[in-house]
Amino acid sequence: LVLQSYGEEGAYTSADQELLQFVSTQVATAIERKQIHEHLRQMAQ
């Protein structure tokens, strides 16, 4: 997962890094679940 900011409104800190890293585990699980679902749908249809 990547976030970028061209100004100070998104002055990311180590706290933001920790938060995004915490959320990323759930995101990875969601992506894999959706990929499996897509694969099964592809096989079925």
PDB file of all heavy atoms in Angstrom:
ATOM      1  N   LEU A   1       0.869  -1.180   0.000  1.00  0.00           N
ATOM      2  CA  LEU A   1       0.000   0.000   0.000  1.00  0.00           C
ATOM      3  C   LEU A   1       0.904   1.229   0.000  1.00  0.00           C
ATOM      4  O   LEU A   1       1.879   1.277   0.755  1.00  0.00           O
ATOM      5  CB  LEU A   1      -0.882   0.045   1.256  1.00  0.00           C
ATOM      6  CG  LEU A   1      -1.989  -0.997   1.426  1.00  0.00           C
ATOM      7  CD1 LEU A   1      -2.738  -0.720   2.716  1.00  0.00           C
ATOM      8  CD2 LEU A   1      -2.926  -0.980   0.248  1.00  0.00           C
ATOM      9  N   VAL A   2       0.572   2.209  -0.834  1.00  0.00           N
ATOM     10  CA  VAL A   2       1.420   3.399  -0.946  1.00  0.00           C
ATOM     11  C   VAL A   2       0.575   4.667  -0.837  1.00  0.00           C
ATOM     12  O   VAL A   2      -0.462   4.793  -1.499  1.00  0.00           O
ATOM     13  CB  VAL A   2       2.192   3.407  -2.282  1.00  0.00           C
ATOM     14  CG1 VAL A   2       2.976   4.714  -2.434  1.00  0.00           C
ATOM     15  CG2 VAL A   2       3.136   2.211  -2.360  1.00  0.00           C
ATOM     16  N   LEU A   3       1.021   5.609   0.006  1.00  0.00           N
ATOM     17  CA  LEU A   3       0.439   6.941   0.105  1.00  0.00           C
ATOM     18  C   LEU A   3       1.502   7.961  -0.282  1.00  0.00           C
ATOM     19  O   LEU A   3       2.677   7.806   0.079  1.00  0.00           O
ATOM     20  CB  LEU A   3      -0.035   7.226   1.532  1.00  0.00           C
ATOM     21  CG  LEU A   3      -1.193   6.388   2.078  1.00  0.00           C
ATOM     22  CD1 LEU A   3      -1.424   6.717   3.542  1.00  0.00           C
ATOM     23  CD2 LEU A   3      -2.456   6.622   1.281  1.00  0.00           C
ATOM     24  N   GLN A   4       1.091   8.989  -1.026  1.00  0.00           N
ATOM     25  CA  GLN A   4       2.022  10.050  -1.405  1.00  0.00           C
ATOM     26  C   GLN A   4       1.367  11.406  -1.165  1.00  0.00           C
ATOM     27  O   GLN A   4       0.151  11.544  -1.308  1.00  0.00           O
ATOM     28  CB  GLN A   4       2.410   9.936  -2.882  1.00  0.00           C
ATOM     29  CG  GLN A   4       3.102   8.627  -3.240  1.00  0.00           C
ATOM     30  CD  GLN A   4       3.563   8.590  -4.677  1.00  0.00           C
ATOM     31  OE1 GLN A   4       4.460   9.319  -5.081  1.00  0.00           O
ATOM     32  NE2 GLN A   4       2.947   7.730  -5.462  1.00  0.00           N
ATOM     33  N   SER A   5       2.195  12.384  -0.831  1.00  0.00           N
ATOM     34  CA  SER A   5       1.687  13.746  -0.638  1.00  0.00           C
ATOM     35  C   SER A   5       2.681  14.733  -1.239  1.00  0.00           C
ATOM     36  O   SER A   5       3.899  14.608  -1.039  1.00  0.00           O
ATOM     37  CB  SER A   5       1.484  14.041   0.849  1.00  0.00           C
ATOM     38  OG  SER A   5       1.109  15.394   1.035  1.00  0.00           O
ATOM     39  N   TYR A   6       2.150  15.712  -1.962  1.00  0.00           N
ATOM     40  CA  TYR A   6       2.995  16.716  -2.606  1.00  0.00           C
ATOM     41  C   TYR A   6       3.088  17.998  -1.789  1.00  0.00           C
ATOM     42  O   TYR A   6       3.766  18.940  -2.200  1.00  0.00           O
ATOM     43  CB  TYR A   6       2.462  17.017  -4.011  1.00  0.00           C
ATOM     44  CG  TYR A   6       2.521  15.803  -4.916  1.00  0.00           C
ATOM     45  CD1 TYR A   6       1.424  14.954  -5.043  1.00  0.00           C
ATOM     46  CD2 TYR A   6       3.675  15.492  -5.613  1.00  0.00           C
ATOM     47  CE1 TYR A   6       1.480  13.833  -5.846  1.00  0.00           C
ATOM     48  CE2 TYR A   6       3.747  14.365  -6.424  1.00  0.00           C
ATOM     49  CZ  TYR A   6       2.642  13.537  -6.536  1.00  0.00           C
ATOM     50  OH  TYR A   6       2.700  12.423  -7.332  1.00  0.00           O
ATOM     51  N   GLY A   7       2.401  18.054  -0.651  1.00  0.00           N
ATOM     52  CA  GLY A   7       2.428  19.235   0.204  1.00  0.00           C
ATOM     53  C   GLY A   7       2.417  18.839   1.664  1.00  0.00           C
ATOM     54  O   GLY A   7       2.483  17.654   2.019  1.00  0.00           O
ATOM     55  N   GLU A   8       2.306  19.820   2.520  1.00  0.00           N
ATOM     56  CA  GLU A   8       2.368  19.572   3.958  1.00  0.00           C
ATOM     57  C   GLU A   8       1.063  19.027   4.525  1.00  0.00           C
ATOM     58  O   GLU A   8       1.013  18.615   5.676  1.00  0.00           O
ATOM     59  CB  GLU A   8       2.735  20.873   4.684  1.00  0.00           C
ATOM     60  CG  GLU A   8       4.146  21.371   4.377  1.00  0.00           C
ATOM     61  CD  GLU A   8       5.205  20.343   4.735  1.00  0.00           C
ATOM     62  OE1 GLU A   8       5.073  19.689   5.794  1.00  0.00           O
ATOM     63  OE2 GLU A   8       6.152  20.180   3.942  1.00  0.00           O
ATOM     64  N   GLU A   9      -0.019  19.037   3.712  1.00  0.00           N
ATOM     65  CA  GLU A   9      -1.288  18.515   4.239  1.00  0.00           C
ATOM     66  C   GLU A   9      -1.201  17.025   4.527  1.00  0.00           C
ATOM     67  O   GLU A   9      -1.945  16.487   5.333  1.00  0.00           O
ATOM     68  CB  GLU A   9      -2.432  18.807   3.256  1.00  0.00           C
ATOM     69  CG  GLU A   9      -2.444  17.947   1.997  1.00  0.00           C
ATOM     70  CD  GLU A   9      -1.417  18.354   0.958  1.00  0.00           C
ATOM     71  OE1 GLU A   9      -0.785  19.411   1.150  1.00  0.00           O
ATOM     72  OE2 GLU A   9      -1.234  17.626  -0.030  1.00  0.00           O
ATOM     73  N   GLY A  10      -0.283  16.360   3.861  1.00  0.00           N
ATOM     74  CA  GLY A  10      -0.073  14.938   4.109  1.00  0.00           C
ATOM     75  C   GLY A  10       1.330  14.686   4.632  1.00  0.00           C
ATOM     76  O   GLY A  10       2.067  13.857   4.090  1.00  0.00           O
ATOM     77  N   ALA A  11       1.717  15.414   5.661  1.00  0.00           N
ATOM     78  CA  ALA A  11       3.055  15.266   6.249  1.00  0.00           C
ATOM     79  C   ALA A  11       3.073  13.997   7.102  1.00  0.00           C
ATOM     80  O   ALA A  11       2.891  14.043   8.326  1.00  0.00           O
ATOM     81  CB  ALA A  11       3.404  16.499   7.082  1.00  0.00           C
ATOM     82  N   TYR A  12       3.278  12.863   6.445  1.00  0.00           N
ATOM     83  CA  TYR A  12       3.180  11.575   7.131  1.00  0.00           C
ATOM     84  C   TYR A  12       4.278  11.426   8.181  1.00  0.00           C
ATOM     85  O   TYR A  12       5.419  11.848   7.992  1.00  0.00           O
ATOM     86  CB  TYR A  12       3.249  10.436   6.124  1.00  0.00           C
ATOM     87  CG  TYR A  12       2.142  10.493   5.102  1.00  0.00           C
ATOM     88  CD1 TYR A  12       2.425  10.590   3.735  1.00  0.00           C
ATOM     89  CD2 TYR A  12       0.805  10.486   5.490  1.00  0.00           C
ATOM     90  CE1 TYR A  12       1.410  10.660   2.794  1.00  0.00           C
ATOM     91  CE2 TYR A  12      -0.208  10.561   4.562  1.00  0.00           C
ATOM     92  CZ  TYR A  12       0.101  10.648   3.206  1.00  0.00           C
ATOM     93  OH  TYR A  12      -0.907  10.734   2.284  1.00  0.00           O
ATOM     94  N   THR A  13       3.902  10.799   9.289  1.00  0.00           N
ATOM     95  CA  THR A  13       4.803  10.593  10.419  1.00  0.00           C
ATOM     96  C   THR A  13       4.919   9.105  10.720  1.00  0.00           C
ATOM     97  O   THR A  13       4.246   8.265  10.115  1.00  0.00           O
ATOM     98  CB  THR A  13       4.275  11.316  11.663  1.00  0.00           C
ATOM     99  OG1 THR A  13       3.024  10.702  12.055  1.00  0.00           O
ATOM    100  CG2 THR A  13       4.042  12.792  11.375  1.00  0.00           C
ATOM    101  N   SER A  14       5.757   8.785  11.699  1.00  0.00           N
ATOM    102  CA  SER A  14       5.902   7.390  12.121  1.00  0.00           C
ATOM    103  C   SER A  14       4.588   6.863  12.694  1.00  0.00           C
ATOM    104  O   SER A  14       4.301   5.663  12.600  1.00  0.00           O
ATOM    105  CB  SER A  14       7.017   7.269  13.156  1.00  0.00           C
ATOM    106  OG  SER A  14       6.759   8.114  14.268  1.00  0.00           O
ATOM    107  N   ALA A  15       3.766   7.758  13.266  1.00  0.00           N
ATOM    108  CA  ALA A  15       2.458   7.337  13.781  1.00  0.00           C
ATOM    109  C   ALA A  15       1.548   6.919  12.618  1.00  0.00           C
ATOM    110  O   ALA A  15       0.805   5.929  12.726  1.00  0.00           O
ATOM    111  CB  ALA A  15       1.814   8.466  14.579  1.00  0.00           C
ATOM    112  N   ASP A  16       1.605   7.654  11.506  1.00  0.00           N
ATOM    113  CA  ASP A  16       0.827   7.278  10.320  1.00  0.00           C
ATOM    114  C   ASP A  16       1.316   5.948   9.759  1.00  0.00           C
ATOM    115  O   ASP A  16       0.524   5.115   9.319  1.00  0.00           O
ATOM    116  CB  ASP A  16       0.942   8.365   9.243  1.00  0.00           C
ATOM    117  CG  ASP A  16       0.329   9.675   9.675  1.00  0.00           C
ATOM    118  OD1 ASP A  16      -0.781   9.645  10.238  1.00  0.00           O
ATOM    119  OD2 ASP A  16       0.959  10.713   9.451  1.00  0.00           O
ATOM    120  N   GLN A  17       2.623   5.767   9.773  1.00  0.00           N
ATOM    121  CA  GLN A  17       3.198   4.500   9.297  1.00  0.00           C
ATOM    122  C   GLN A  17       2.697   3.336  10.130  1.00  0.00           C
ATOM    123  O   GLN A  17       2.305   2.294   9.600  1.00  0.00           O
ATOM    124  CB  GLN A  17       4.725   4.579   9.365  1.00  0.00           C
ATOM    125  CG  GLN A  17       5.426   3.263   9.007  1.00  0.00           C
ATOM    126  CD  GLN A  17       6.930   3.371   9.176  1.00  0.00           C
ATOM    127  OE1 GLN A  17       7.571   4.261   8.616  1.00  0.00           O
ATOM    128  NE2 GLN A  17       7.504   2.466   9.960  1.00  0.00           N
ATOM    129  N   GLU A  18       2.708   3.516  11.446  1.00  0.00           N
ATOM    130  CA  GLU A  18       2.240   2.459  12.349  1.00  0.00           C
ATOM    131  C   GLU A  18       0.758   2.153  12.110  1.00  0.00           C
ATOM    132  O   GLU A  18       0.356   0.983  12.065  1.00  0.00           O
ATOM    133  CB  GLU A  18       2.463   2.891  13.789  1.00  0.00           C
ATOM    134  CG  GLU A  18       2.037   1.854  14.820  1.00  0.00           C
ATOM    135  CD  GLU A  18       2.231   2.348  16.242  1.00  0.00           C
ATOM    136  OE1 GLU A  18       2.879   3.399  16.426  1.00  0.00           O
ATOM    137  OE2 GLU A  18       1.725   1.697  17.178  1.00  0.00           O
ATOM    138  N   LEU A  19      -0.031   3.198  11.913  1.00  0.00           N
ATOM    139  CA  LEU A  19      -1.465   3.013  11.688  1.00  0.00           C
ATOM    140  C   LEU A  19      -1.725   2.283  10.372  1.00  0.00           C
ATOM    141  O   LEU A  19      -2.507   1.330  10.310  1.00  0.00           O
ATOM    142  CB  LEU A  19      -2.151   4.379  11.694  1.00  0.00           C
ATOM    143  CG  LEU A  19      -3.681   4.418  11.654  1.00  0.00           C
ATOM    144  CD1 LEU A  19      -4.182   5.670  12.352  1.00  0.00           C
ATOM    145  CD2 LEU A  19      -4.206   4.389  10.237  1.00  0.00           C
ATOM    146  N   LEU A  20      -1.046   2.733   9.285  1.00  0.00           N
ATOM    147  CA  LEU A  20      -1.251   2.102   7.977  1.00  0.00           C
ATOM    148  C   LEU A  20      -0.790   0.656   7.989  1.00  0.00           C
ATOM    149  O   LEU A  20      -1.418  -0.220   7.377  1.00  0.00           O
ATOM    150  CB  LEU A  20      -0.504   2.895   6.902  1.00  0.00           C
ATOM    151  CG  LEU A  20      -0.797   2.504   5.455  1.00  0.00           C
ATOM    152  CD1 LEU A  20      -2.264   2.742   5.104  1.00  0.00           C
ATOM    153  CD2 LEU A  20       0.096   3.267   4.479  1.00  0.00           C
ATOM    154  N   GLN A  21       0.298   0.384   8.697  1.00  0.00           N
ATOM    155  CA  GLN A  21       0.797  -0.982   8.792  1.00  0.00           C
ATOM    156  C   GLN A  21      -0.192  -1.870   9.543  1.00  0.00           C
ATOM    157  O   GLN A  21      -0.399  -3.034   9.180  1.00  0.00           O
ATOM    158  CB  GLN A  21       2.155  -0.971   9.496  1.00  0.00           C
ATOM    159  CG  GLN A  21       2.947  -2.257   9.331  1.00  0.00           C
ATOM    160  CD  GLN A  21       4.379  -2.087   9.807  1.00  0.00           C
ATOM    161  OE1 GLN A  21       4.751  -1.049  10.348  1.00  0.00           O
ATOM    162  NE2 GLN A  21       5.186  -3.122   9.615  1.00  0.00           N
ATOM    163  N   PHE A  22      -0.817  -1.309  10.568  1.00  0.00           N
ATOM    164  CA  PHE A  22      -1.821  -2.063  11.322  1.00  0.00           C
ATOM    165  C   PHE A  22      -3.016  -2.418  10.436  1.00  0.00           C
ATOM    166  O   PHE A  22      -3.499  -3.558  10.432  1.00  0.00           O
ATOM    167  CB  PHE A  22      -2.274  -1.240  12.525  1.00  0.00           C
ATOM    168  CG  PHE A  22      -3.285  -1.913  13.396  1.00  0.00           C
ATOM    169  CD1 PHE A  22      -2.926  -2.938  14.253  1.00  0.00           C
ATOM    170  CD2 PHE A  22      -4.613  -1.527  13.357  1.00  0.00           C
ATOM    171  CE1 PHE A  22      -3.868  -3.562  15.059  1.00  0.00           C
ATOM    172  CE2 PHE A  22      -5.570  -2.148  14.159  1.00  0.00           C
ATOM    173  CZ  PHE A  22      -5.192  -3.166  15.010  1.00  0.00           C
ATOM    174  N   VAL A  23      -3.478  -1.449   9.649  1.00  0.00           N
ATOM    175  CA  VAL A  23      -4.624  -1.665   8.772  1.00  0.00           C
ATOM    176  C   VAL A  23      -4.275  -2.603   7.616  1.00  0.00           C
ATOM    177  O   VAL A  23      -5.124  -3.359   7.135  1.00  0.00           O
ATOM    178  CB  VAL A  23      -5.125  -0.304   8.232  1.00  0.00           C
ATOM    179  CG1 VAL A  23      -6.182  -0.498   7.147  1.00  0.00           C
ATOM    180  CG2 VAL A  23      -5.699   0.529   9.362  1.00  0.00           C
ATOM    181  N   SER A  24      -3.014  -2.588   7.172  1.00  0.00           N
ATOM    182  CA  SER A  24      -2.622  -3.343   5.972  1.00  0.00           C
ATOM    183  C   SER A  24      -2.831  -4.848   6.120  1.00  0.00           C
ATOM    184  O   SER A  24      -3.076  -5.541   5.127  1.00  0.00           O
ATOM    185  CB  SER A  24      -1.154  -3.056   5.636  1.00  0.00           C
ATOM    186  OG  SER A  24      -0.281  -3.612   6.609  1.00  0.00           O
ATOM    187  N   THR A  25      -2.738  -5.356   7.325  1.00  0.00           N
ATOM    188  CA  THR A  25      -2.956  -6.800   7.531  1.00  0.00           C
ATOM    189  C   THR A  25      -4.377  -7.183   7.150  1.00  0.00           C
ATOM    190  O   THR A  25      -4.610  -8.186   6.471  1.00  0.00           O
ATOM    191  CB  THR A  25      -2.676  -7.175   8.994  1.00  0.00           C
ATOM    192  OG1 THR A  25      -1.340  -6.806   9.329  1.00  0.00           O
ATOM    193  CG2 THR A  25      -2.861  -8.670   9.205  1.00  0.00           C
ATOM    194  N   GLN A  26      -5.339  -6.372   7.568  1.00  0.00           N
ATOM    195  CA  GLN A  26      -6.732  -6.632   7.216  1.00  0.00           C
ATOM    196  C   GLN A  26      -6.947  -6.430   5.719  1.00  0.00           C
ATOM    197  O   GLN A  26      -7.710  -7.164   5.094  1.00  0.00           O
ATOM    198  CB  GLN A  26      -7.654  -5.703   8.006  1.00  0.00           C
ATOM    199  CG  GLN A  26      -9.135  -5.983   7.852  1.00  0.00           C
ATOM    200  CD  GLN A  26      -9.559  -7.249   8.569  1.00  0.00           C
ATOM    201  OE1 GLN A  26      -8.799  -7.788   9.370  1.00  0.00           O
ATOM    202  NE2 GLN A  26     -10.748  -7.741   8.295  1.00  0.00           N
ATOM    203  N   VAL A  27      -6.267  -5.440   5.137  1.00  0.00           N
ATOM    204  CA  VAL A  27      -6.384  -5.202   3.700  1.00  0.00           C
ATOM    205  C   VAL A  27      -5.873  -6.405   2.917  1.00  0.00           C
ATOM    206  O   VAL A  27      -6.502  -6.852   1.953  1.00  0.00           O
ATOM    207  CB  VAL A  27      -5.607  -3.932   3.294  1.00  0.00           C
ATOM    208  CG1 VAL A  27      -5.570  -3.782   1.772  1.00  0.00           C
ATOM    209  CG2 VAL A  27      -6.241  -2.699   3.920  1.00  0.00           C
ATOM    210  N   ALA A  28      -4.724  -6.950   3.323  1.00  0.00           N
ATOM    211  CA  ALA A  28      -4.164  -8.119   2.642  1.00  0.00           C
ATOM    212  C   ALA A  28      -5.114  -9.307   2.710  1.00  0.00           C
ATOM    213  O   ALA A  28      -5.310 -10.027   1.721  1.00  0.00           O
ATOM    214  CB  ALA A  28      -2.815  -8.483   3.267  1.00  0.00           C
ATOM    215  N   THR A  29      -5.718  -9.509   3.866  1.00  0.00           N
ATOM    216  CA  THR A  29      -6.689 -10.598   4.021  1.00  0.00           C
ATOM    217  C   THR A  29      -7.886 -10.387   3.099  1.00  0.00           C
ATOM    218  O   THR A  29      -8.359 -11.328   2.454  1.00  0.00           O
ATOM    219  CB  THR A  29      -7.163 -10.684   5.483  1.00  0.00           C
ATOM    220  OG1 THR A  29      -6.048 -10.923   6.339  1.00  0.00           O
ATOM    221  CG2 THR A  29      -8.179 -11.802   5.665  1.00  0.00           C
ATOM    222  N   ALA A  30      -8.365  -9.144   3.027  1.00  0.00           N
ATOM    223  CA  ALA A  30      -9.509  -8.834   2.162  1.00  0.00           C
ATOM    224  C   ALA A  30      -9.170  -9.059   0.696  1.00  0.00           C
ATOM    225  O   ALA A  30      -9.979  -9.590  -0.076  1.00  0.00           O
ATOM    226  CB  ALA A  30      -9.948  -7.386   2.378  1.00  0.00           C
ATOM    227  N   ILE A  31      -7.959  -8.669   0.287  1.00  0.00           N
ATOM    228  CA  ILE A  31      -7.541  -8.853  -1.113  1.00  0.00           C
ATOM    229  C   ILE A  31      -7.473 -10.333  -1.459  1.00  0.00           C
ATOM    230  O   ILE A  31      -7.977 -10.769  -2.505  1.00  0.00           O
ATOM    231  CB  ILE A  31      -6.185  -8.172  -1.356  1.00  0.00           C
ATOM    232  CG1 ILE A  31      -6.339  -6.645  -1.309  1.00  0.00           C
ATOM    233  CG2 ILE A  31      -5.606  -8.589  -2.707  1.00  0.00           C
ATOM    234  CD1 ILE A  31      -5.022  -5.901  -1.362  1.00  0.00           C
ATOM    235  N   GLU A  32      -6.858 -11.122  -0.588  1.00  0.00           N
ATOM    236  CA  GLU A  32      -6.749 -12.554  -0.869  1.00  0.00           C
ATOM    237  C   GLU A  32      -8.125 -13.214  -0.923  1.00  0.00           C
ATOM    238  O   GLU A  32      -8.379 -14.069  -1.771  1.00  0.00           O
ATOM    239  CB  GLU A  32      -5.871 -13.228   0.185  1.00  0.00           C
ATOM    240  CG  GLU A  32      -4.390 -12.998  -0.033  1.00  0.00           C
ATOM    241  CD  GLU A  32      -3.540 -14.089   0.594  1.00  0.00           C
ATOM    242  OE1 GLU A  32      -3.927 -14.603   1.664  1.00  0.00           O
ATOM    243  OE2 GLU A  32      -2.496 -14.446   0.010  1.00  0.00           O
ATOM    244  N   ARG A  33      -9.014 -12.807  -0.019  1.00  0.00           N
ATOM    245  CA  ARG A  33     -10.363 -13.368  -0.019  1.00  0.00           C
ATOM    246  C   ARG A  33     -11.073 -13.038  -1.332  1.00  0.00           C
ATOM    247  O   ARG A  33     -11.730 -13.884  -1.931  1.00  0.00           O
ATOM    248  CB  ARG A  33     -11.144 -12.831   1.171  1.00  0.00           C
ATOM    249  CG  ARG A  33     -12.566 -13.406   1.277  1.00  0.00           C
ATOM    250  CD  ARG A  33     -13.295 -12.820   2.470  1.00  0.00           C
ATOM    251  NE  ARG A  33     -12.674 -13.192   3.716  1.00  0.00           N
ATOM    252  CZ  ARG A  33     -12.372 -12.352   4.688  1.00  0.00           C
ATOM    253  NH1 ARG A  33     -12.617 -11.073   4.535  1.00  0.00           N
ATOM    254  NH2 ARG A  33     -11.822 -12.777   5.800  1.00  0.00           N
ATOM    255  N   LYS A  34     -10.922 -11.789  -1.772  1.00  0.00           N
ATOM    256  CA  LYS A  34     -11.569 -11.379  -3.019  1.00  0.00           C
ATOM    257  C   LYS A  34     -10.937 -12.075  -4.222  1.00  0.00           C
ATOM    258  O   LYS A  34     -11.638 -12.458  -5.165  1.00  0.00           O
ATOM    259  CB  LYS A  34     -11.476  -9.857  -3.173  1.00  0.00           C
ATOM    260  CG  LYS A  34     -12.225  -9.296  -4.380  1.00  0.00           C
ATOM    261  CD  LYS A  34     -13.713  -9.590  -4.309  1.00  0.00           C
ATOM    262  CE  LYS A  34     -14.398  -8.854  -3.196  1.00  0.00           C
ATOM    263  NZ  LYS A  34     -15.865  -9.081  -3.175  1.00  0.00           N
ATOM    264  N   GLN A  35      -9.623 -12.277  -4.198  1.00  0.00           N
ATOM    265  CA  GLN A  35      -8.960 -12.981  -5.296  1.00  0.00           C
ATOM    266  C   GLN A  35      -9.441 -14.427  -5.389  1.00  0.00           C
ATOM    267  O   GLN A  35      -9.659 -14.936  -6.496  1.00  0.00           O
ATOM    268  CB  GLN A  35      -7.439 -12.937  -5.100  1.00  0.00           C
ATOM    269  CG  GLN A  35      -6.811 -11.589  -5.391  1.00  0.00           C
ATOM    270  CD  GLN A  35      -5.322 -11.565  -5.081  1.00  0.00           C
ATOM    271  OE1 GLN A  35      -4.853 -12.236  -4.150  1.00  0.00           O
ATOM    272  NE2 GLN A  35      -4.571 -10.786  -5.845  1.00  0.00           N
ATOM    273  N   ILE A  36      -9.599 -15.070  -4.249  1.00  0.00           N
ATOM    274  CA  ILE A  36     -10.107 -16.450  -4.244  1.00  0.00           C
ATOM    275  C   ILE A  36     -11.534 -16.481  -4.789  1.00  0.00           C
ATOM    276  O   ILE A  36     -11.889 -17.346  -5.597  1.00  0.00           O
ATOM    277  CB  ILE A  36     -10.048 -17.037  -2.818  1.00  0.00           C
ATOM    278  CG1 ILE A  36      -8.596 -17.235  -2.383  1.00  0.00           C
ATOM    279  CG2 ILE A  36     -10.818 -18.352  -2.740  1.00  0.00           C
ATOM    280  CD1 ILE A  36      -8.437 -17.610  -0.927  1.00  0.00           C
ATOM    281  N   HIS A  37     -12.345 -15.517  -4.346  1.00  0.00           N
ATOM    282  CA  HIS A  37     -13.729 -15.438  -4.825  1.00  0.00           C
ATOM    283  C   HIS A  37     -13.770 -15.217  -6.338  1.00  0.00           C
ATOM    284  O   HIS A  37     -14.547 -15.854  -7.050  1.00  0.00           O
ATOM    285  CB  HIS A  37     -14.458 -14.309  -4.099  1.00  0.00           C
ATOM    286  CG  HIS A  37     -15.857 -14.088  -4.593  1.00  0.00           C
ATOM    287  ND1 HIS A  37     -16.907 -14.899  -4.235  1.00  0.00           N
ATOM    288  CD2 HIS A  37     -16.383 -13.148  -5.436  1.00  0.00           C
ATOM    289  CE1 HIS A  37     -18.018 -14.476  -4.821  1.00  0.00           C
ATOM    290  NE2 HIS A  37     -17.718 -13.418  -5.558  1.00  0.00           N
ATOM    291  N   GLU A  38     -12.901 -14.310  -6.816  1.00  0.00           N
ATOM    292  CA  GLU A  38     -12.849 -14.037  -8.257  1.00  0.00           C
ATOM    293  C   GLU A  38     -12.438 -15.285  -9.024  1.00  0.00           C
ATOM    294  O   GLU A  38     -12.966 -15.574 -10.102  1.00  0.00           O
ATOM    295  CB  GLU A  38     -11.865 -12.906  -8.536  1.00  0.00           C
ATOM    296  CG  GLU A  38     -12.320 -11.545  -8.053  1.00  0.00           C
ATOM    297  CD  GLU A  38     -13.225 -10.866  -9.067  1.00  0.00           C
ATOM    298  OE1 GLU A  38     -12.754 -10.513 -10.148  1.00  0.00           O
ATOM    299  OE2 GLU A  38     -14.421 -10.734  -8.761  1.00  0.00           O
ATOM    300  N   HIS A  39     -11.466 -16.026  -8.481  1.00  0.00           N
ATOM    301  CA  HIS A  39     -11.000 -17.244  -9.147  1.00  0.00           C
ATOM    302  C   HIS A  39     -12.107 -18.290  -9.203  1.00  0.00           C
ATOM    303  O   HIS A  39     -12.315 -18.927 -10.247  1.00  0.00           O
ATOM    304  CB  HIS A  39      -9.778 -17.795  -8.412  1.00  0.00           C
ATOM    305  CG  HIS A  39      -9.224 -19.047  -9.017  1.00  0.00           C
ATOM    306  ND1 HIS A  39      -8.659 -19.090 -10.281  1.00  0.00           N
ATOM    307  CD2 HIS A  39      -9.170 -20.325  -8.542  1.00  0.00           C
ATOM    308  CE1 HIS A  39      -8.267 -20.323 -10.557  1.00  0.00           C
ATOM    309  NE2 HIS A  39      -8.567 -21.088  -9.512  1.00  0.00           N
ATOM    310  N   LEU A  40     -12.815 -18.458  -8.096  1.00  0.00           N
ATOM    311  CA  LEU A  40     -13.908 -19.432  -8.074  1.00  0.00           C
ATOM    312  C   LEU A  40     -15.034 -19.026  -9.021  1.00  0.00           C
ATOM    313  O   LEU A  40     -15.623 -19.871  -9.711  1.00  0.00           O
ATOM    314  CB  LEU A  40     -14.450 -19.581  -6.650  1.00  0.00           C
ATOM    315  CG  LEU A  40     -13.493 -20.217  -5.640  1.00  0.00           C
ATOM    316  CD1 LEU A  40     -14.100 -20.183  -4.240  1.00  0.00           C
ATOM    317  CD2 LEU A  40     -13.161 -21.653  -6.044  1.00  0.00           C
ATOM    318  N   ARG A  41     -15.329 -17.715  -9.056  1.00  0.00           N
ATOM    319  CA  ARG A  41     -16.355 -17.236  -9.978  1.00  0.00           C
ATOM    320  C   ARG A  41     -15.935 -17.465 -11.428  1.00  0.00           C
ATOM    321  O   ARG A  41     -16.732 -17.872 -12.268  1.00  0.00           O
ATOM    322  CB  ARG A  41     -16.602 -15.744  -9.742  1.00  0.00           C
ATOM    323  CG  ARG A  41     -17.747 -15.162 -10.571  1.00  0.00           C
ATOM    324  CD  ARG A  41     -17.859 -13.668 -10.377  1.00  0.00           C
ATOM    325  NE  ARG A  41     -16.714 -12.968 -10.925  1.00  0.00           N
ATOM    326  CZ  ARG A  41     -16.616 -12.620 -12.215  1.00  0.00           C
ATOM    327  NH1 ARG A  41     -17.580 -12.920 -13.066  1.00  0.00           N
ATOM    328  NH2 ARG A  41     -15.548 -11.995 -12.654  1.00  0.00           N
ATOM    329  N   GLN A  42     -14.648 -17.215 -11.702  1.00  0.00           N
ATOM    330  CA  GLN A  42     -14.128 -17.430 -13.058  1.00  0.00           C
ATOM    331  C   GLN A  42     -14.266 -18.894 -13.442  1.00  0.00           C
ATOM    332  O   GLN A  42     -14.671 -19.228 -14.562  1.00  0.00           O
ATOM    333  CB  GLN A  42     -12.662 -16.999 -13.102  1.00  0.00           C
ATOM    334  CG  GLN A  42     -12.027 -17.017 -14.485  1.00  0.00           C
ATOM    335  CD  GLN A  42     -12.408 -15.816 -15.319  1.00  0.00           C
ATOM    336  OE1 GLN A  42     -12.903 -14.841 -14.784  1.00  0.00           O
ATOM    337  NE2 GLN A  42     -12.189 -15.881 -16.610  1.00  0.00           N
ATOM    338  N   MET A  43     -13.926 -19.791 -12.510  1.00  0.00           N
ATOM    339  CA  MET A  43     -14.019 -21.221 -12.793  1.00  0.00           C
ATOM    340  C   MET A  43     -15.468 -21.649 -13.014  1.00  0.00           C
ATOM    341  O   MET A  43     -15.751 -22.515 -13.853  1.00  0.00           O
ATOM    342  CB  MET A  43     -13.410 -22.026 -11.635  1.00  0.00           C
ATOM    343  CG  MET A  43     -11.913 -21.888 -11.507  1.00  0.00           C
ATOM    344  SD  MET A  43     -11.280 -22.785 -10.080  1.00  0.00           S
ATOM    345  CE  MET A  43     -11.761 -24.466 -10.469  1.00  0.00           C
ATOM    346  N   ALA A  44     -16.390 -21.034 -12.248  1.00  0.00           N
ATOM    347  CA  ALA A  44     -17.794 -21.434 -12.336  1.00  0.00           C
ATOM    348  C   ALA A  44     -18.492 -20.880 -13.563  1.00  0.00           C
ATOM    349  O   ALA A  44     -19.424 -21.493 -14.085  1.00  0.00           O
ATOM    350  CB  ALA A  44     -18.536 -20.992 -11.072  1.00  0.00           C
ATOM    351  N   GLN A  45     -18.055 -19.722 -14.049  1.00  0.00           N
ATOM    352  CA  GLN A  45     -18.803 -19.038 -15.093  1.00  0.00           C
ATOM    353  C   GLN A  45     -18.078 -18.947 -16.435  1.00  0.00           C
ATOM    354  O   GLN A  45     -18.704 -18.607 -17.442  1.00  0.00           O
ATOM    355  CB  GLN A  45     -19.147 -17.615 -14.625  1.00  0.00           C
ATOM    356  CG  GLN A  45     -20.023 -17.598 -13.382  1.00  0.00           C
ATOM    357  CD  GLN A  45     -20.401 -16.189 -12.968  1.00  0.00           C
ATOM    358  OE1 GLN A  45     -19.919 -15.205 -13.533  1.00  0.00           O
ATOM    359  NE2 GLN A  45     -21.269 -16.076 -11.977  1.00  0.00           N
TER     360      GLN A  45
END
